[in-house]
Amino acid sequence: MMSGYQVLRSTLQFLATTDLSVTEISLVKDVDVSLPVLNYFHQVFEVVFVDPSGLMNLCADMTASKYHRVQFEAKCSMEIFDDWTVDSFQALLMTMKPLDRAFDHVFH
């Protein structure tokens, strides 16, 4: 069984290294010819992550630019996790980051 730290690290590693705007992923266990092919999802959606039913894209509302932002944040988080001189738990999960420090312009 994996610890919470291992699950978080594995998830961040996956997000940092996998571009779902190029490569689709599916949680479908058994191939069924009645289900849509993953390529069809990419014709409609920019980011594709299909649920176990094979019918719903979990990232339907996500644009490629939003996903690339998530991917960038995951890469930065992995760099902090890999730096043993930093308390990564404190830096990533406990330190507040105000919106104005995250973005240089905010639309209301």
PDB file of N, CA and C in Angstrom:
ATOM      1  N   MET A   1       0.850  -1.176   0.000  1.00  0.00           N
ATOM      2  CA  MET A   1       0.000   0.000   0.000  1.00  0.00           C
ATOM      3  C   MET A   1       0.900   1.245   0.000  1.00  0.00           C
ATOM      4  N   MET A   2       0.482   2.236  -0.774  1.00  0.00           N
ATOM      5  CA  MET A   2       1.266   3.466  -0.890  1.00  0.00           C
ATOM      6  C   MET A   2       0.845   4.463   0.183  1.00  0.00           C
ATOM      7  N   SER A   3       1.799   5.249   0.635  1.00  0.00           N
ATOM      8  CA  SER A   3       1.499   6.309   1.598  1.00  0.00           C
ATOM      9  C   SER A   3       0.916   7.506   0.844  1.00  0.00           C
ATOM     10  N   GLY A   4       0.376   8.453   1.574  1.00  0.00           N
ATOM     11  CA  GLY A   4      -0.157   9.665   0.973  1.00  0.00           C
ATOM     12  C   GLY A   4       0.909  10.428   0.209  1.00  0.00           C
ATOM     13  N   TYR A   5       2.110  10.474   0.754  1.00  0.00           N
ATOM     14  CA  TYR A   5       3.239  11.131   0.090  1.00  0.00           C
ATOM     15  C   TYR A   5       3.541  10.469  -1.244  1.00  0.00           C
ATOM     16  N   GLN A   6       3.545   9.141  -1.278  1.00  0.00           N
ATOM     17  CA  GLN A   6       3.840   8.421  -2.508  1.00  0.00           C
ATOM     18  C   GLN A   6       2.750   8.641  -3.560  1.00  0.00           C
ATOM     19  N   VAL A   7       1.494   8.703  -3.133  1.00  0.00           N
ATOM     20  CA  VAL A   7       0.392   8.960  -4.062  1.00  0.00           C
ATOM     21  C   VAL A   7       0.521  10.360  -4.647  1.00  0.00           C
ATOM     22  N   LEU A   8       0.784  11.354  -3.794  1.00  0.00           N
ATOM     23  CA  LEU A   8       0.953  12.727  -4.260  1.00  0.00           C
ATOM     24  C   LEU A   8       2.124  12.824  -5.223  1.00  0.00           C
ATOM     25  N   ARG A   9       3.240  12.244  -4.860  1.00  0.00           N
ATOM     26  CA  ARG A   9       4.435  12.303  -5.710  1.00  0.00           C
ATOM     27  C   ARG A   9       4.190  11.610  -7.057  1.00  0.00           C
ATOM     28  N   SER A  10       3.535  10.465  -7.044  1.00  0.00           N
ATOM     29  CA  SER A  10       3.236   9.748  -8.291  1.00  0.00           C
ATOM     30  C   SER A  10       2.293  10.554  -9.181  1.00  0.00           C
ATOM     31  N   THR A  11       1.302  11.191  -8.570  1.00  0.00           N
ATOM     32  CA  THR A  11       0.354  12.014  -9.324  1.00  0.00           C
ATOM     33  C   THR A  11       1.056  13.205  -9.946  1.00  0.00           C
ATOM     34  N   LEU A  12       1.887  13.890  -9.168  1.00  0.00           N
ATOM     35  CA  LEU A  12       2.630  15.041  -9.696  1.00  0.00           C
ATOM     36  C   LEU A  12       3.591  14.608 -10.796  1.00  0.00           C
ATOM     37  N   GLN A  13       4.235  13.471 -10.627  1.00  0.00           N
ATOM     38  CA  GLN A  13       5.145  12.957 -11.653  1.00  0.00           C
ATOM     39  C   GLN A  13       4.389  12.687 -12.946  1.00  0.00           C
ATOM     40  N   PHE A  14       3.203  12.076 -12.827  1.00  0.00           N
ATOM     41  CA  PHE A  14       2.384  11.806 -14.009  1.00  0.00           C
ATOM     42  C   PHE A  14       1.979  13.107 -14.704  1.00  0.00           C
ATOM     43  N   LEU A  15       1.499  14.066 -13.930  1.00  0.00           N
ATOM     44  CA  LEU A  15       1.072  15.342 -14.508  1.00  0.00           C
ATOM     45  C   LEU A  15       2.246  16.081 -15.148  1.00  0.00           C
ATOM     46  N   ALA A  16       3.409  16.021 -14.537  1.00  0.00           N
ATOM     47  CA  ALA A  16       4.577  16.736 -15.045  1.00  0.00           C
ATOM     48  C   ALA A  16       5.115  16.138 -16.339  1.00  0.00           C
ATOM     49  N   THR A  17       4.917  14.853 -16.534  1.00  0.00           N
ATOM     50  CA  THR A  17       5.547  14.186 -17.680  1.00  0.00           C
ATOM     51  C   THR A  17       4.572  13.765 -18.777  1.00  0.00           C
ATOM     52  N   THR A  18       3.277  13.854 -18.548  1.00  0.00           N
ATOM     53  CA  THR A  18       2.294  13.398 -19.530  1.00  0.00           C
ATOM     54  C   THR A  18       1.495  14.578 -20.048  1.00  0.00           C
ATOM     55  N   ASP A  19       1.502  14.763 -21.348  1.00  0.00           N
ATOM     56  CA  ASP A  19       0.742  15.858 -21.957  1.00  0.00           C
ATOM     57  C   ASP A  19      -0.576  15.300 -22.488  1.00  0.00           C
ATOM     58  N   LEU A  20      -1.646  15.474 -21.728  1.00  0.00           N
ATOM     59  CA  LEU A  20      -2.953  14.954 -22.111  1.00  0.00           C
ATOM     60  C   LEU A  20      -3.596  15.750 -23.241  1.00  0.00           C
ATOM     61  N   SER A  21      -2.975  16.845 -23.652  1.00  0.00           N
ATOM     62  CA  SER A  21      -3.482  17.552 -24.827  1.00  0.00           C
ATOM     63  C   SER A  21      -2.959  16.908 -26.111  1.00  0.00           C
ATOM     64  N   VAL A  22      -1.986  16.013 -25.976  1.00  0.00           N
ATOM     65  CA  VAL A  22      -1.437  15.289 -27.119  1.00  0.00           C
ATOM     66  C   VAL A  22      -1.792  13.810 -27.025  1.00  0.00           C
ATOM     67  N   THR A  23      -1.612  13.230 -25.845  1.00  0.00           N
ATOM     68  CA  THR A  23      -1.871  11.819 -25.602  1.00  0.00           C
ATOM     69  C   THR A  23      -3.090  11.681 -24.705  1.00  0.00           C
ATOM     70  N   GLU A  24      -4.063  10.929 -25.158  1.00  0.00           N
ATOM     71  CA  GLU A  24      -5.261  10.712 -24.349  1.00  0.00           C
ATOM     72  C   GLU A  24      -5.052   9.526 -23.413  1.00  0.00           C
ATOM     73  N   ILE A  25      -5.860   9.498 -22.353  1.00  0.00           N
ATOM     74  CA  ILE A  25      -5.792   8.391 -21.405  1.00  0.00           C
ATOM     75  C   ILE A  25      -7.223   7.971 -21.075  1.00  0.00           C
ATOM     76  N   SER A  26      -7.392   6.689 -20.813  1.00  0.00           N
ATOM     77  CA  SER A  26      -8.711   6.155 -20.519  1.00  0.00           C
ATOM     78  C   SER A  26      -8.633   5.213 -19.325  1.00  0.00           C
ATOM     79  N   LEU A  27      -9.657   5.239 -18.499  1.00  0.00           N
ATOM     80  CA  LEU A  27      -9.749   4.335 -17.356  1.00  0.00           C
ATOM     81  C   LEU A  27     -10.599   3.099 -17.655  1.00  0.00           C
ATOM     82  N   VAL A  28     -10.988   2.926 -18.921  1.00  0.00           N
ATOM     83  CA  VAL A  28     -11.799   1.780 -19.331  1.00  0.00           C
ATOM     84  C   VAL A  28     -10.973   0.515 -19.183  1.00  0.00           C
ATOM     85  N   LYS A  29     -11.548  -0.501 -18.513  1.00  0.00           N
ATOM     86  CA  LYS A  29     -10.809  -1.743 -18.280  1.00  0.00           C
ATOM     87  C   LYS A  29     -10.931  -2.706 -19.457  1.00  0.00           C
ATOM     88  N   ASP A  30     -12.127  -2.862 -19.998  1.00  0.00           N
ATOM     89  CA  ASP A  30     -12.354  -3.809 -21.086  1.00  0.00           C
ATOM     90  C   ASP A  30     -12.685  -3.057 -22.370  1.00  0.00           C
ATOM     91  N   VAL A  31     -12.069  -3.466 -23.457  1.00  0.00           N
ATOM     92  CA  VAL A  31     -12.332  -2.841 -24.747  1.00  0.00           C
ATOM     93  C   VAL A  31     -13.719  -3.262 -25.220  1.00  0.00           C
ATOM     94  N   ASP A  32     -14.511  -2.282 -25.601  1.00  0.00           N
ATOM     95  CA  ASP A  32     -15.869  -2.522 -26.076  1.00  0.00           C
ATOM     96  C   ASP A  32     -16.034  -1.766 -27.385  1.00  0.00           C
ATOM     97  N   VAL A  33     -16.433  -2.475 -28.433  1.00  0.00           N
ATOM     98  CA  VAL A  33     -16.551  -1.843 -29.753  1.00  0.00           C
ATOM     99  C   VAL A  33     -17.680  -0.824 -29.809  1.00  0.00           C
ATOM    100  N   SER A  34     -18.614  -0.870 -28.856  1.00  0.00           N
ATOM    101  CA  SER A  34     -19.716   0.095 -28.856  1.00  0.00           C
ATOM    102  C   SER A  34     -19.303   1.446 -28.263  1.00  0.00           C
ATOM    103  N   LEU A  35     -18.144   1.506 -27.599  1.00  0.00           N
ATOM    104  CA  LEU A  35     -17.662   2.757 -27.008  1.00  0.00           C
ATOM    105  C   LEU A  35     -16.921   3.583 -28.046  1.00  0.00           C
ATOM    106  N   PRO A  36     -16.957   4.907 -27.892  1.00  0.00           N
ATOM    107  CA  PRO A  36     -16.210   5.755 -28.825  1.00  0.00           C
ATOM    108  C   PRO A  36     -14.705   5.524 -28.711  1.00  0.00           C
ATOM    109  N   VAL A  37     -14.024   5.657 -29.830  1.00  0.00           N
ATOM    110  CA  VAL A  37     -12.565   5.530 -29.866  1.00  0.00           C
ATOM    111  C   VAL A  37     -11.977   6.812 -29.259  1.00  0.00           C
ATOM    112  N   LEU A  38     -10.836   6.689 -28.580  1.00  0.00           N
ATOM    113  CA  LEU A  38     -10.220   7.847 -27.928  1.00  0.00           C
ATOM    114  C   LEU A  38      -9.916   8.973 -28.905  1.00  0.00           C
ATOM    115  N   ASN A  39      -9.588   8.644 -30.140  1.00  0.00           N
ATOM    116  CA  ASN A  39      -9.310   9.690 -31.128  1.00  0.00           C
ATOM    117  C   ASN A  39     -10.524  10.587 -31.362  1.00  0.00           C
ATOM    118  N   TYR A  40     -11.722  10.034 -31.226  1.00  0.00           N
ATOM    119  CA  TYR A  40     -12.934  10.839 -31.401  1.00  0.00           C
ATOM    120  C   TYR A  40     -13.034  11.925 -30.330  1.00  0.00           C
ATOM    121  N   PHE A  41     -12.605  11.610 -29.120  1.00  0.00           N
ATOM    122  CA  PHE A  41     -12.636  12.603 -28.048  1.00  0.00           C
ATOM    123  C   PHE A  41     -11.731  13.783 -28.382  1.00  0.00           C
ATOM    124  N   HIS A  42     -10.574  13.499 -28.987  1.00  0.00           N
ATOM    125  CA  HIS A  42      -9.633  14.571 -29.330  1.00  0.00           C
ATOM    126  C   HIS A  42     -10.155  15.460 -30.457  1.00  0.00           C
ATOM    127  N   GLN A  43     -11.101  14.985 -31.221  1.00  0.00           N
ATOM    128  CA  GLN A  43     -11.702  15.813 -32.259  1.00  0.00           C
ATOM    129  C   GLN A  43     -12.597  16.891 -31.663  1.00  0.00           C
ATOM    130  N   VAL A  44     -13.075  16.650 -30.432  1.00  0.00           N
ATOM    131  CA  VAL A  44     -14.005  17.568 -29.779  1.00  0.00           C
ATOM    132  C   VAL A  44     -13.360  18.325 -28.621  1.00  0.00           C
ATOM    133  N   PHE A  45     -12.472  17.669 -27.889  1.00  0.00           N
ATOM    134  CA  PHE A  45     -11.883  18.248 -26.686  1.00  0.00           C
ATOM    135  C   PHE A  45     -10.378  18.427 -26.847  1.00  0.00           C
ATOM    136  N   GLU A  46      -9.845  19.452 -26.176  1.00  0.00           N
ATOM    137  CA  GLU A  46      -8.404  19.710 -26.221  1.00  0.00           C
ATOM    138  C   GLU A  46      -7.629  18.769 -25.302  1.00  0.00           C
ATOM    139  N   VAL A  47      -8.213  18.428 -24.155  1.00  0.00           N
ATOM    140  CA  VAL A  47      -7.569  17.544 -23.174  1.00  0.00           C
ATOM    141  C   VAL A  47      -8.493  16.353 -22.956  1.00  0.00           C
ATOM    142  N   VAL A  48      -7.937  15.136 -23.037  1.00  0.00           N
ATOM    143  CA  VAL A  48      -8.770  13.930 -22.967  1.00  0.00           C
ATOM    144  C   VAL A  48      -8.304  13.016 -21.833  1.00  0.00           C
ATOM    145  N   PHE A  49      -9.238  12.750 -20.901  1.00  0.00           N
ATOM    146  CA  PHE A  49      -9.045  11.810 -19.801  1.00  0.00           C
ATOM    147  C   PHE A  49     -10.407  11.153 -19.578  1.00  0.00           C
ATOM    148  N   VAL A  50     -10.597   9.955 -20.146  1.00  0.00           N
ATOM    149  CA  VAL A  50     -11.908   9.309 -20.200  1.00  0.00           C
ATOM    150  C   VAL A  50     -12.144   8.470 -18.948  1.00  0.00           C
ATOM    151  N   ASP A  51     -13.361   8.560 -18.413  1.00  0.00           N
ATOM    152  CA  ASP A  51     -13.752   7.842 -17.189  1.00  0.00           C
ATOM    153  C   ASP A  51     -13.914   6.345 -17.453  1.00  0.00           C
ATOM    154  N   PRO A  52     -14.126   5.534 -16.396  1.00  0.00           N
ATOM    155  CA  PRO A  52     -14.237   4.079 -16.571  1.00  0.00           C
ATOM    156  C   PRO A  52     -15.396   3.624 -17.462  1.00  0.00           C
ATOM    157  N   SER A  53     -16.442   4.455 -17.595  1.00  0.00           N
ATOM    158  CA  SER A  53     -17.553   4.064 -18.469  1.00  0.00           C
ATOM    159  C   SER A  53     -17.166   4.163 -19.940  1.00  0.00           C
ATOM    160  N   GLY A  54     -16.155   4.962 -20.243  1.00  0.00           N
ATOM    161  CA  GLY A  54     -15.720   5.152 -21.614  1.00  0.00           C
ATOM    162  C   GLY A  54     -16.545   6.159 -22.382  1.00  0.00           C
ATOM    163  N   LEU A  55     -17.445   6.847 -21.681  1.00  0.00           N
ATOM    164  CA  LEU A  55     -18.361   7.772 -22.342  1.00  0.00           C
ATOM    165  C   LEU A  55     -18.157   9.229 -21.955  1.00  0.00           C
ATOM    166  N   MET A  56     -17.458   9.489 -20.876  1.00  0.00           N
ATOM    167  CA  MET A  56     -17.328  10.861 -20.395  1.00  0.00           C
ATOM    168  C   MET A  56     -15.862  11.274 -20.279  1.00  0.00           C
ATOM    169  N   ASN A  57     -15.564  12.459 -20.795  1.00  0.00           N
ATOM    170  CA  ASN A  57     -14.232  13.029 -20.673  1.00  0.00           C
ATOM    171  C   ASN A  57     -14.183  13.840 -19.385  1.00  0.00           C
ATOM    172  N   LEU A  58     -13.356  13.424 -18.443  1.00  0.00           N
ATOM    173  CA  LEU A  58     -13.254  14.107 -17.155  1.00  0.00           C
ATOM    174  C   LEU A  58     -12.623  15.489 -17.286  1.00  0.00           C
ATOM    175  N   CYS A  59     -11.917  15.740 -18.374  1.00  0.00           N
ATOM    176  CA  CYS A  59     -11.269  17.035 -18.611  1.00  0.00           C
ATOM    177  C   CYS A  59     -11.972  17.816 -19.720  1.00  0.00           C
ATOM    178  N   ALA A  60     -13.262  17.631 -19.861  1.00  0.00           N
ATOM    179  CA  ALA A  60     -14.012  18.250 -20.956  1.00  0.00           C
ATOM    180  C   ALA A  60     -13.942  19.776 -20.916  1.00  0.00           C
ATOM    181  N   ASP A  61     -13.953  20.365 -19.745  1.00  0.00           N
ATOM    182  CA  ASP A  61     -13.952  21.825 -19.626  1.00  0.00           C
ATOM    183  C   ASP A  61     -12.542  22.413 -19.569  1.00  0.00           C
ATOM    184  N   MET A  62     -11.535  21.588 -19.681  1.00  0.00           N
ATOM    185  CA  MET A  62     -10.158  22.077 -19.557  1.00  0.00           C
ATOM    186  C   MET A  62      -9.569  22.361 -20.935  1.00  0.00           C
ATOM    187  N   THR A  63      -9.009  23.560 -21.078  1.00  0.00           N
ATOM    188  CA  THR A  63      -8.317  23.890 -22.320  1.00  0.00           C
ATOM    189  C   THR A  63      -6.873  23.397 -22.238  1.00  0.00           C
ATOM    190  N   ALA A  64      -6.219  23.360 -23.369  1.00  0.00           N
ATOM    191  CA  ALA A  64      -4.814  22.934 -23.391  1.00  0.00           C
ATOM    192  C   ALA A  64      -3.954  23.884 -22.576  1.00  0.00           C
ATOM    193  N   SER A  65      -4.255  25.190 -22.632  1.00  0.00           N
ATOM    194  CA  SER A  65      -3.445  26.149 -21.866  1.00  0.00           C
ATOM    195  C   SER A  65      -3.636  25.957 -20.363  1.00  0.00           C
ATOM    196  N   LYS A  66      -4.840  25.638 -19.921  1.00  0.00           N
ATOM    197  CA  LYS A  66      -5.064  25.348 -18.491  1.00  0.00           C
ATOM    198  C   LYS A  66      -4.280  24.106 -18.081  1.00  0.00           C
ATOM    199  N   TYR A  67      -4.318  23.075 -18.929  1.00  0.00           N
ATOM    200  CA  TYR A  67      -3.587  21.855 -18.604  1.00  0.00           C
ATOM    201  C   TYR A  67      -2.087  22.112 -18.553  1.00  0.00           C
ATOM    202  N   HIS A  68      -1.584  22.915 -19.478  1.00  0.00           N
ATOM    203  CA  HIS A  68      -0.152  23.216 -19.463  1.00  0.00           C
ATOM    204  C   HIS A  68       0.239  24.002 -18.214  1.00  0.00           C
ATOM    205  N   ARG A  69      -0.667  24.802 -17.690  1.00  0.00           N
ATOM    206  CA  ARG A  69      -0.400  25.501 -16.423  1.00  0.00           C
ATOM    207  C   ARG A  69      -0.316  24.481 -15.277  1.00  0.00           C
ATOM    208  N   VAL A  70      -1.244  23.538 -15.252  1.00  0.00           N
ATOM    209  CA  VAL A  70      -1.212  22.477 -14.236  1.00  0.00           C
ATOM    210  C   VAL A  70       0.079  21.674 -14.381  1.00  0.00           C
ATOM    211  N   GLN A  71       0.465  21.383 -15.608  1.00  0.00           N
ATOM    212  CA  GLN A  71       1.693  20.630 -15.862  1.00  0.00           C
ATOM    213  C   GLN A  71       2.918  21.406 -15.380  1.00  0.00           C
ATOM    214  N   PHE A  72       2.940  22.713 -15.623  1.00  0.00           N
ATOM    215  CA  PHE A  72       4.044  23.560 -15.158  1.00  0.00           C
ATOM    216  C   PHE A  72       4.137  23.550 -13.630  1.00  0.00           C
ATOM    217  N   GLU A  73       2.992  23.692 -12.959  1.00  0.00           N
ATOM    218  CA  GLU A  73       2.980  23.673 -11.496  1.00  0.00           C
ATOM    219  C   GLU A  73       3.437  22.320 -10.960  1.00  0.00           C
ATOM    220  N   ALA A  74       3.060  21.245 -11.633  1.00  0.00           N
ATOM    221  CA  ALA A  74       3.495  19.905 -11.209  1.00  0.00           C
ATOM    222  C   ALA A  74       5.011  19.761 -11.357  1.00  0.00           C
ATOM    223  N   LYS A  75       5.571  20.295 -12.454  1.00  0.00           N
ATOM    224  CA  LYS A  75       7.026  20.243 -12.648  1.00  0.00           C
ATOM    225  C   LYS A  75       7.751  21.035 -11.560  1.00  0.00           C
ATOM    226  N   CYS A  76       7.225  22.216 -11.239  1.00  0.00           N
ATOM    227  CA  CYS A  76       7.830  23.020 -10.167  1.00  0.00           C
ATOM    228  C   CYS A  76       7.752  22.291  -8.830  1.00  0.00           C
ATOM    229  N   SER A  77       6.626  21.652  -8.568  1.00  0.00           N
ATOM    230  CA  SER A  77       6.458  20.898  -7.325  1.00  0.00           C
ATOM    231  C   SER A  77       7.435  19.733  -7.247  1.00  0.00           C
ATOM    232  N   MET A  78       7.650  19.054  -8.359  1.00  0.00           N
ATOM    233  CA  MET A  78       8.600  17.940  -8.368  1.00  0.00           C
ATOM    234  C   MET A  78      10.023  18.427  -8.106  1.00  0.00           C
ATOM    235  N   GLU A  79      10.367  19.611  -8.605  1.00  0.00           N
ATOM    236  CA  GLU A  79      11.690  20.172  -8.324  1.00  0.00           C
ATOM    237  C   GLU A  79      11.856  20.441  -6.836  1.00  0.00           C
ATOM    238  N   ILE A  80      10.801  20.914  -6.190  1.00  0.00           N
ATOM    239  CA  ILE A  80      10.856  21.168  -4.743  1.00  0.00           C
ATOM    240  C   ILE A  80      10.952  19.846  -3.986  1.00  0.00           C
ATOM    241  N   PHE A  81      10.176  18.826  -4.414  1.00  0.00           N
ATOM    242  CA  PHE A  81      10.257  17.517  -3.773  1.00  0.00           C
ATOM    243  C   PHE A  81      11.656  16.917  -3.899  1.00  0.00           C
ATOM    244  N   ASP A  82      12.316  17.146  -5.025  1.00  0.00           N
ATOM    245  CA  ASP A  82      13.641  16.563  -5.256  1.00  0.00           C
ATOM    246  C   ASP A  82      14.765  17.315  -4.552  1.00  0.00           C
ATOM    247  N   ASP A  83      14.491  18.528  -4.075  1.00  0.00           N
ATOM    248  CA  ASP A  83      15.500  19.321  -3.364  1.00  0.00           C
ATOM    249  C   ASP A  83      15.435  18.966  -1.876  1.00  0.00           C
ATOM    250  N   TRP A  84      16.418  18.206  -1.412  1.00  0.00           N
ATOM    251  CA  TRP A  84      16.399  17.722  -0.027  1.00  0.00           C
ATOM    252  C   TRP A  84      16.758  18.803   0.987  1.00  0.00           C
ATOM    253  N   THR A  85      17.174  19.986   0.522  1.00  0.00           N
ATOM    254  CA  THR A  85      17.493  21.074   1.448  1.00  0.00           C
ATOM    255  C   THR A  85      16.242  21.876   1.828  1.00  0.00           C
ATOM    256  N   VAL A  86      15.112  21.572   1.190  1.00  0.00           N
ATOM    257  CA  VAL A  86      13.862  22.308   1.430  1.00  0.00           C
ATOM    258  C   VAL A  86      12.862  21.384   2.105  1.00  0.00           C
ATOM    259  N   ASP A  87      12.110  21.915   3.059  1.00  0.00           N
ATOM    260  CA  ASP A  87      11.002  21.172   3.659  1.00  0.00           C
ATOM    261  C   ASP A  87       9.846  21.229   2.660  1.00  0.00           C
ATOM    262  N   SER A  88       9.776  20.223   1.789  1.00  0.00           N
ATOM    263  CA  SER A  88       8.822  20.250   0.683  1.00  0.00           C
ATOM    264  C   SER A  88       7.371  20.250   1.162  1.00  0.00           C
ATOM    265  N   PHE A  89       7.065  19.550   2.239  1.00  0.00           N
ATOM    266  CA  PHE A  89       5.700  19.537   2.762  1.00  0.00           C
ATOM    267  C   PHE A  89       5.268  20.949   3.142  1.00  0.00           C
ATOM    268  N   GLN A  90       6.106  21.650   3.862  1.00  0.00           N
ATOM    269  CA  GLN A  90       5.800  23.019   4.276  1.00  0.00           C
ATOM    270  C   GLN A  90       5.690  23.944   3.063  1.00  0.00           C
ATOM    271  N   ALA A  91       6.644  23.841   2.146  1.00  0.00           N
ATOM    272  CA  ALA A  91       6.672  24.742   0.997  1.00  0.00           C
ATOM    273  C   ALA A  91       5.498  24.532   0.050  1.00  0.00           C
ATOM    274  N   LEU A  92       5.104  23.282  -0.160  1.00  0.00           N
ATOM    275  CA  LEU A  92       4.057  22.999  -1.143  1.00  0.00           C
ATOM    276  C   LEU A  92       2.645  22.984  -0.573  1.00  0.00           C
ATOM    277  N   LEU A  93       2.492  22.492   0.632  1.00  0.00           N
ATOM    278  CA  LEU A  93       1.143  22.244   1.145  1.00  0.00           C
ATOM    279  C   LEU A  93       0.701  23.150   2.288  1.00  0.00           C
ATOM    280  N   MET A  94       1.627  23.850   2.917  1.00  0.00           N
ATOM    281  CA  MET A  94       1.261  24.647   4.080  1.00  0.00           C
ATOM    282  C   MET A  94       1.419  26.153   3.874  1.00  0.00           C
ATOM    283  N   THR A  95       2.201  26.561   2.896  1.00  0.00           N
ATOM    284  CA  THR A  95       2.465  27.981   2.676  1.00  0.00           C
ATOM    285  C   THR A  95       1.399  28.574   1.777  1.00  0.00           C
ATOM    286  N   MET A  96       0.737  29.629   2.257  1.00  0.00           N
ATOM    287  CA  MET A  96      -0.277  30.320   1.462  1.00  0.00           C
ATOM    288  C   MET A  96       0.404  31.105   0.339  1.00  0.00           C
ATOM    289  N   LYS A  97      -0.217  31.102  -0.827  1.00  0.00           N
ATOM    290  CA  LYS A  97       0.294  31.866  -1.963  1.00  0.00           C
ATOM    291  C   LYS A  97      -0.845  32.761  -2.454  1.00  0.00           C
ATOM    292  N   PRO A  98      -0.770  34.051  -2.142  1.00  0.00           N
ATOM    293  CA  PRO A  98      -1.833  34.955  -2.570  1.00  0.00           C
ATOM    294  C   PRO A  98      -1.938  35.009  -4.099  1.00  0.00           C
ATOM    295  N   LEU A  99      -3.125  35.269  -4.597  1.00  0.00           N
ATOM    296  CA  LEU A  99      -3.370  35.301  -6.028  1.00  0.00           C
ATOM    297  C   LEU A  99      -2.478  36.313  -6.739  1.00  0.00           C
ATOM    298  N   ASP A 100      -2.241  37.473  -6.111  1.00  0.00           N
ATOM    299  CA  ASP A 100      -1.420  38.494  -6.763  1.00  0.00           C
ATOM    300  C   ASP A 100       0.049  38.086  -6.872  1.00  0.00           C
ATOM    301  N   ARG A 101       0.484  37.088  -6.098  1.00  0.00           N
ATOM    302  CA  ARG A 101       1.846  36.571  -6.240  1.00  0.00           C
ATOM    303  C   ARG A 101       1.918  35.475  -7.294  1.00  0.00           C
ATOM    304  N   ALA A 102       0.760  34.898  -7.634  1.00  0.00           N
ATOM    305  CA  ALA A 102       0.725  33.827  -8.620  1.00  0.00           C
ATOM    306  C   ALA A 102       0.573  34.356 -10.037  1.00  0.00           C
ATOM    307  N   PHE A 103      -0.154  35.471 -10.189  1.00  0.00           N
ATOM    308  CA  PHE A 103      -0.429  36.003 -11.514  1.00  0.00           C
ATOM    309  C   PHE A 103      -0.180  37.503 -11.513  1.00  0.00           C
ATOM    310  N   ASP A 104       0.294  38.022 -12.640  1.00  0.00           N
ATOM    311  CA  ASP A 104       0.578  39.452 -12.706  1.00  0.00           C
ATOM    312  C   ASP A 104      -0.642  40.260 -13.161  1.00  0.00           C
ATOM    313  N   HIS A 105      -1.712  39.585 -13.606  1.00  0.00           N
ATOM    314  CA  HIS A 105      -2.915  40.304 -13.989  1.00  0.00           C
ATOM    315  C   HIS A 105      -4.131  39.430 -13.680  1.00  0.00           C
ATOM    316  N   VAL A 106      -5.150  40.011 -13.071  1.00  0.00           N
ATOM    317  CA  VAL A 106      -6.351  39.279 -12.705  1.00  0.00           C
ATOM    318  C   VAL A 106      -7.541  39.993 -13.311  1.00  0.00           C
ATOM    319  N   PHE A 107      -8.382  39.251 -14.028  1.00  0.00           N
ATOM    320  CA  PHE A 107      -9.613  39.808 -14.589  1.00  0.00           C
ATOM    321  C   PHE A 107     -10.755  39.590 -13.629  1.00  0.00           C
ATOM    322  N   HIS A 108     -11.596  40.593 -13.458  1.00  0.00           N
ATOM    323  CA  HIS A 108     -12.762  40.463 -12.571  1.00  0.00           C
ATOM    324  C   HIS A 108     -14.017  40.327 -13.393  1.00  0.00           C
TER     325      HIS A 108
END
